[in-house]
Each structure stands twice: as C-alpha cells, then as structure tokens.
C-alpha cells in the first residue's frame, strides 16, 4: 500500500508543472485526496483537496486560479496542475489520502527559481 508522487523539478517563475500521485494497494475512489507542501523551515500546509463525494475541490488562497487538482479513479491517480509558478511555491509536495485509513506519499521537490 503506497502513494508515489512524481513530476516535480526545477522551473522558472511563470512556468508550469504537473504533479502525479499514483496509489497502489487501495482504491482512490474511496478516499478524499489532498496535496500538501512544506517549505524549508516551515510547517506543512494544505494546498488543495478533492472530495470523493461530488468531486468537489478547494484551494488555499495563494494558489487559487493557478493550481488545479483532479483525479482519475480508473488510473488510481490524482494530479496537481500548477501554472504560473512563483518563487514562494518552492517546497516539497506531498499527496495525502484521507479515508478509511490515511496514507502519505514520500514527496516530490518543486523548485521555482530564475
């Protein structure tokens, strides 16, 4: 049972990345999915969520209009499309499955730098 993130990397301000989080050993359709991030010296913060019921989504204010969370239950994958990236978006990004049990991925580094 695990979550594996990918898609991080180094990007210039204004660039885009798409993070993926693939679940194995359980079905994402039974879970609310969230993306968190943690910058050096800071606490982990919620970036976006996607509810398993009604497919509702939500975002922290600083990423609204730039980030989009989505899921593909057939592929058992959740995505975070990140556009117009800013320096402050630099962090390790984690996906989190919240439901009957809770699972965390290992994180993927996103670095926004010119």
N, C-alpha and C. Protein backbone atom coordinates (compact mmCIF):
# COMPACT_ATOMS: atom_id res chain seq x y z
N UNK A 1 0.85 -1.19 0.00
CA UNK A 1 0.00 0.00 0.00
C UNK A 1 0.89 1.24 0.00
N UNK A 2 0.74 2.08 -1.02
CA UNK A 2 1.58 3.27 -1.05
C UNK A 2 1.04 4.31 -2.01
N UNK A 3 1.54 5.53 -1.81
CA UNK A 3 1.31 6.64 -2.72
C UNK A 3 2.67 7.08 -3.24
N UNK A 4 2.79 7.26 -4.52
CA UNK A 4 4.06 7.66 -5.10
C UNK A 4 3.86 8.90 -5.95
N UNK A 5 4.51 9.99 -5.54
CA UNK A 5 4.42 11.24 -6.29
C UNK A 5 5.53 11.32 -7.33
N UNK A 6 5.26 12.07 -8.37
CA UNK A 6 6.26 12.35 -9.39
C UNK A 6 5.89 13.66 -10.07
N UNK A 7 6.83 14.16 -10.89
CA UNK A 7 6.54 15.35 -11.67
C UNK A 7 7.19 16.62 -11.17
N UNK A 8 7.83 16.55 -10.02
CA UNK A 8 8.50 17.74 -9.51
C UNK A 8 9.74 18.06 -10.33
N UNK A 9 10.33 19.21 -10.01
CA UNK A 9 11.53 19.60 -10.73
C UNK A 9 11.83 21.06 -10.54
N UNK A 10 12.75 21.54 -11.36
CA UNK A 10 13.17 22.94 -11.35
C UNK A 10 12.48 23.66 -12.49
N UNK A 11 11.86 24.79 -12.17
CA UNK A 11 11.14 25.56 -13.18
C UNK A 11 11.33 27.04 -12.90
N UNK A 12 11.30 27.83 -13.96
CA UNK A 12 11.42 29.28 -13.79
C UNK A 12 10.09 29.88 -13.36
N UNK A 13 10.13 31.04 -12.73
CA UNK A 13 8.87 31.72 -12.40
C UNK A 13 8.01 31.89 -13.65
N UNK A 14 6.72 31.64 -13.47
CA UNK A 14 5.79 31.69 -14.59
C UNK A 14 5.62 30.37 -15.31
N UNK A 15 6.45 29.40 -14.98
CA UNK A 15 6.36 28.10 -15.63
C UNK A 15 5.29 27.21 -15.04
N UNK A 16 5.22 25.99 -15.57
CA UNK A 16 4.19 25.03 -15.15
C UNK A 16 4.81 23.68 -14.86
N UNK A 17 4.15 22.97 -13.98
CA UNK A 17 4.47 21.57 -13.70
C UNK A 17 3.17 20.84 -13.42
N UNK A 18 3.17 19.55 -13.70
CA UNK A 18 2.04 18.72 -13.30
C UNK A 18 2.56 17.59 -12.41
N UNK A 19 2.08 17.56 -11.19
CA UNK A 19 2.44 16.51 -10.26
C UNK A 19 1.43 15.37 -10.39
N UNK A 20 1.92 14.16 -10.24
CA UNK A 20 1.08 12.98 -10.24
C UNK A 20 1.29 12.22 -8.95
N UNK A 21 0.26 11.56 -8.51
CA UNK A 21 0.33 10.73 -7.31
C UNK A 21 -0.44 9.45 -7.60
N UNK A 22 0.29 8.35 -7.70
CA UNK A 22 -0.30 7.07 -8.05
C UNK A 22 -0.46 6.22 -6.78
N UNK A 23 -1.65 5.71 -6.61
CA UNK A 23 -1.93 4.85 -5.46
C UNK A 23 -1.84 3.39 -5.85
N UNK A 24 -1.31 2.60 -4.96
CA UNK A 24 -1.29 1.15 -5.17
C UNK A 24 -1.71 0.48 -3.87
N UNK A 25 -2.46 -0.58 -4.01
CA UNK A 25 -2.90 -1.33 -2.84
C UNK A 25 -4.21 -0.87 -2.25
N UNK A 26 -4.79 0.19 -2.78
CA UNK A 26 -6.09 0.64 -2.33
C UNK A 26 -6.70 1.48 -3.44
N UNK A 27 -8.00 1.74 -3.34
CA UNK A 27 -8.71 2.46 -4.38
C UNK A 27 -8.90 3.92 -3.98
N UNK A 28 -8.39 4.82 -4.83
CA UNK A 28 -8.53 6.24 -4.56
C UNK A 28 -9.99 6.67 -4.50
N UNK A 29 -10.87 5.96 -5.17
CA UNK A 29 -12.27 6.36 -5.21
C UNK A 29 -12.91 6.34 -3.82
N UNK A 30 -12.28 5.65 -2.89
CA UNK A 30 -12.80 5.59 -1.52
C UNK A 30 -12.23 6.66 -0.60
N UNK A 31 -11.42 7.54 -1.17
CA UNK A 31 -10.66 8.50 -0.36
C UNK A 31 -10.83 9.93 -0.85
N UNK A 32 -10.84 10.85 0.12
CA UNK A 32 -10.61 12.26 -0.19
C UNK A 32 -9.11 12.42 -0.42
N UNK A 33 -8.77 13.22 -1.42
CA UNK A 33 -7.36 13.39 -1.76
C UNK A 33 -6.93 14.82 -1.53
N UNK A 34 -5.74 14.96 -1.03
CA UNK A 34 -5.20 16.29 -0.73
C UNK A 34 -3.75 16.38 -1.18
N UNK A 35 -3.37 17.59 -1.56
CA UNK A 35 -1.97 17.92 -1.79
C UNK A 35 -1.54 18.91 -0.70
N UNK A 36 -0.43 18.60 -0.09
CA UNK A 36 0.19 19.48 0.89
C UNK A 36 1.57 19.88 0.35
N UNK A 37 2.13 20.89 0.98
CA UNK A 37 3.52 21.25 0.67
C UNK A 37 4.20 21.72 1.94
N UNK A 38 5.51 21.58 1.92
CA UNK A 38 6.31 22.02 3.06
C UNK A 38 7.60 22.65 2.56
N UNK A 39 7.75 23.92 2.86
CA UNK A 39 8.97 24.64 2.51
C UNK A 39 9.96 24.53 3.66
N UNK A 40 11.24 24.70 3.39
CA UNK A 40 12.25 24.60 4.43
C UNK A 40 11.96 25.52 5.60
N UNK A 41 11.97 24.98 6.80
CA UNK A 41 11.75 25.78 8.00
C UNK A 41 10.31 26.16 8.26
N UNK A 42 9.41 25.63 7.45
CA UNK A 42 8.00 25.97 7.62
C UNK A 42 7.18 24.72 7.86
N UNK A 43 5.97 24.94 8.37
CA UNK A 43 5.07 23.82 8.61
C UNK A 43 4.42 23.36 7.31
N UNK A 44 4.03 22.12 7.32
CA UNK A 44 3.32 21.58 6.16
C UNK A 44 1.95 22.27 6.05
N UNK A 45 1.59 22.64 4.83
CA UNK A 45 0.33 23.35 4.62
C UNK A 45 -0.49 22.69 3.52
N UNK A 46 -1.79 22.77 3.69
CA UNK A 46 -2.70 22.21 2.71
C UNK A 46 -2.75 23.12 1.49
N UNK A 47 -2.60 22.54 0.33
CA UNK A 47 -2.61 23.30 -0.92
C UNK A 47 -3.94 23.15 -1.65
N UNK A 48 -4.42 21.92 -1.75
CA UNK A 48 -5.64 21.66 -2.50
C UNK A 48 -6.24 20.34 -2.02
N UNK A 49 -7.56 20.24 -2.16
CA UNK A 49 -8.22 18.98 -1.83
C UNK A 49 -9.25 18.65 -2.89
N UNK A 50 -9.53 17.37 -2.98
CA UNK A 50 -10.57 16.86 -3.87
C UNK A 50 -11.37 15.82 -3.11
N UNK A 51 -12.65 16.06 -3.00
CA UNK A 51 -13.52 15.17 -2.24
C UNK A 51 -13.97 13.99 -3.10
N UNK A 52 -14.05 12.84 -2.49
CA UNK A 52 -14.52 11.65 -3.21
C UNK A 52 -16.01 11.73 -3.47
N UNK A 53 -16.72 12.57 -2.71
CA UNK A 53 -18.16 12.73 -2.87
C UNK A 53 -18.41 14.02 -3.66
N UNK A 54 -18.99 13.88 -4.82
CA UNK A 54 -19.32 15.06 -5.59
C UNK A 54 -18.15 15.69 -6.31
N UNK A 55 -16.96 15.12 -6.13
CA UNK A 55 -15.77 15.62 -6.83
C UNK A 55 -15.53 17.11 -6.55
N UNK A 56 -15.90 17.57 -5.36
CA UNK A 56 -15.67 18.98 -5.04
C UNK A 56 -14.20 19.23 -4.77
N UNK A 57 -13.77 20.47 -5.02
CA UNK A 57 -12.36 20.83 -4.83
C UNK A 57 -12.25 22.13 -4.03
N UNK A 58 -11.08 22.34 -3.50
CA UNK A 58 -10.80 23.57 -2.77
C UNK A 58 -9.32 23.86 -2.77
N UNK A 59 -8.96 25.12 -2.59
CA UNK A 59 -7.57 25.56 -2.69
C UNK A 59 -7.24 26.61 -1.64
N UNK A 60 -5.99 26.63 -1.24
CA UNK A 60 -5.57 27.74 -0.40
C UNK A 60 -5.54 28.99 -1.27
N UNK A 61 -5.72 30.14 -0.62
CA UNK A 61 -5.89 31.38 -1.38
C UNK A 61 -4.71 31.67 -2.30
N UNK A 62 -3.52 31.37 -1.86
CA UNK A 62 -2.34 31.77 -2.62
C UNK A 62 -2.17 31.00 -3.93
N UNK A 63 -2.93 29.91 -4.11
CA UNK A 63 -2.78 29.14 -5.36
C UNK A 63 -4.05 29.15 -6.19
N UNK A 64 -5.11 29.77 -5.69
CA UNK A 64 -6.36 29.82 -6.44
C UNK A 64 -6.15 30.46 -7.80
N UNK A 65 -6.72 29.85 -8.81
CA UNK A 65 -6.58 30.36 -10.17
C UNK A 65 -5.32 29.91 -10.87
N UNK A 66 -4.40 29.30 -10.13
CA UNK A 66 -3.14 28.84 -10.72
C UNK A 66 -3.00 27.32 -10.66
N UNK A 67 -3.50 26.70 -9.60
CA UNK A 67 -3.37 25.26 -9.40
C UNK A 67 -4.73 24.60 -9.63
N UNK A 68 -4.69 23.37 -10.14
CA UNK A 68 -5.89 22.59 -10.33
C UNK A 68 -5.64 21.16 -9.88
N UNK A 69 -6.48 20.69 -8.97
CA UNK A 69 -6.40 19.29 -8.53
C UNK A 69 -7.44 18.49 -9.30
N UNK A 70 -7.07 17.29 -9.68
CA UNK A 70 -8.01 16.41 -10.38
C UNK A 70 -7.64 14.97 -10.07
N UNK A 71 -8.55 14.07 -10.37
CA UNK A 71 -8.27 12.66 -10.13
C UNK A 71 -8.78 11.83 -11.30
N UNK A 72 -8.16 10.71 -11.47
CA UNK A 72 -8.60 9.69 -12.43
C UNK A 72 -8.71 8.39 -11.65
N UNK A 73 -9.92 8.04 -11.29
CA UNK A 73 -10.10 6.85 -10.46
C UNK A 73 -9.79 5.56 -11.22
N UNK A 74 -9.88 5.60 -12.52
CA UNK A 74 -9.53 4.41 -13.31
C UNK A 74 -8.03 4.17 -13.22
N UNK A 75 -7.25 5.26 -13.34
CA UNK A 75 -5.80 5.15 -13.25
C UNK A 75 -5.31 5.17 -11.79
N UNK A 76 -6.27 5.36 -10.87
CA UNK A 76 -5.91 5.41 -9.45
C UNK A 76 -4.86 6.49 -9.17
N UNK A 77 -5.06 7.64 -9.80
CA UNK A 77 -4.07 8.72 -9.76
C UNK A 77 -4.76 10.05 -9.48
N UNK A 78 -4.06 10.88 -8.71
CA UNK A 78 -4.50 12.25 -8.50
C UNK A 78 -3.41 13.17 -9.03
N UNK A 79 -3.83 14.30 -9.56
CA UNK A 79 -2.91 15.23 -10.20
C UNK A 79 -2.99 16.61 -9.55
N UNK A 80 -1.92 17.34 -9.69
CA UNK A 80 -1.92 18.76 -9.34
C UNK A 80 -1.25 19.51 -10.48
N UNK A 81 -2.08 20.20 -11.26
CA UNK A 81 -1.55 21.04 -12.33
C UNK A 81 -1.22 22.40 -11.74
N UNK A 82 0.02 22.82 -11.92
CA UNK A 82 0.49 24.07 -11.33
C UNK A 82 0.96 25.00 -12.45
N UNK A 83 0.28 26.10 -12.60
CA UNK A 83 0.62 27.08 -13.62
C UNK A 83 1.07 28.39 -12.98
N UNK A 84 1.75 29.19 -13.77
CA UNK A 84 2.22 30.50 -13.30
C UNK A 84 2.92 30.37 -11.94
N UNK A 85 3.86 29.46 -11.88
CA UNK A 85 4.53 29.19 -10.62
C UNK A 85 5.33 30.40 -10.13
N UNK A 86 5.35 30.56 -8.83
CA UNK A 86 6.03 31.67 -8.18
C UNK A 86 7.14 31.14 -7.27
N UNK A 87 8.05 32.03 -6.91
CA UNK A 87 9.16 31.62 -6.05
C UNK A 87 8.65 30.99 -4.76
N UNK A 88 7.56 31.53 -4.22
CA UNK A 88 7.01 31.04 -2.95
C UNK A 88 6.38 29.65 -3.07
N UNK A 89 6.24 29.14 -4.26
CA UNK A 89 5.70 27.79 -4.44
C UNK A 89 6.76 26.72 -4.23
N UNK A 90 8.00 27.14 -4.05
CA UNK A 90 9.08 26.18 -3.81
C UNK A 90 8.84 25.42 -2.52
N UNK A 91 8.80 24.10 -2.62
CA UNK A 91 8.52 23.24 -1.46
C UNK A 91 8.58 21.79 -1.89
N UNK A 92 8.53 20.93 -0.90
CA UNK A 92 8.28 19.51 -1.17
C UNK A 92 6.76 19.32 -1.14
N UNK A 93 6.24 18.71 -2.18
CA UNK A 93 4.80 18.50 -2.30
C UNK A 93 4.47 17.04 -2.00
N UNK A 94 3.45 16.88 -1.16
CA UNK A 94 3.03 15.55 -0.72
C UNK A 94 1.56 15.32 -1.08
N UNK A 95 1.24 14.13 -1.50
CA UNK A 95 -0.17 13.79 -1.61
C UNK A 95 -0.59 12.98 -0.40
N UNK A 96 -1.85 13.10 -0.08
CA UNK A 96 -2.41 12.50 1.14
C UNK A 96 -3.77 11.93 0.80
N UNK A 97 -3.98 10.69 1.17
CA UNK A 97 -5.27 10.04 1.00
C UNK A 97 -5.92 9.93 2.37
N UNK A 98 -7.10 10.50 2.48
CA UNK A 98 -7.80 10.51 3.75
C UNK A 98 -9.12 9.76 3.61
N UNK A 99 -9.26 8.70 4.41
CA UNK A 99 -10.48 7.92 4.30
C UNK A 99 -10.52 6.86 5.37
N UNK A 100 -10.85 5.64 4.99
CA UNK A 100 -10.85 4.55 5.97
C UNK A 100 -9.52 4.46 6.72
N UNK A 101 -8.45 4.73 6.01
CA UNK A 101 -7.12 4.89 6.60
C UNK A 101 -6.51 6.16 6.00
N UNK A 102 -5.35 6.52 6.51
CA UNK A 102 -4.65 7.69 5.97
C UNK A 102 -3.30 7.28 5.40
N UNK A 103 -3.02 7.77 4.19
CA UNK A 103 -1.76 7.44 3.55
C UNK A 103 -1.08 8.72 3.07
N UNK A 104 0.24 8.72 3.16
CA UNK A 104 1.05 9.82 2.67
C UNK A 104 2.06 9.31 1.65
N UNK A 105 2.33 10.14 0.65
CA UNK A 105 3.42 9.84 -0.26
C UNK A 105 4.73 10.32 0.33
N UNK A 106 5.81 10.06 -0.42
CA UNK A 106 7.15 10.40 0.07
C UNK A 106 7.54 11.84 -0.27
N UNK A 107 6.78 12.46 -1.15
CA UNK A 107 7.04 13.84 -1.52
C UNK A 107 7.84 13.99 -2.80
N UNK A 108 7.62 15.10 -3.47
CA UNK A 108 8.38 15.43 -4.67
C UNK A 108 8.76 16.91 -4.59
N UNK A 109 10.02 17.19 -4.91
CA UNK A 109 10.55 18.56 -4.76
C UNK A 109 10.14 19.42 -5.95
N UNK A 110 9.61 20.59 -5.64
CA UNK A 110 9.34 21.60 -6.65
C UNK A 110 10.18 22.83 -6.30
N UNK A 111 11.00 23.24 -7.23
CA UNK A 111 11.85 24.40 -7.04
C UNK A 111 11.57 25.42 -8.13
N UNK A 112 11.16 26.60 -7.71
CA UNK A 112 10.90 27.69 -8.65
C UNK A 112 12.02 28.71 -8.49
N UNK A 113 12.79 28.87 -9.53
CA UNK A 113 13.96 29.74 -9.44
C UNK A 113 14.33 30.28 -10.81
N UNK A 114 14.81 31.51 -10.83
CA UNK A 114 15.28 32.08 -12.09
C UNK A 114 16.79 31.87 -12.23
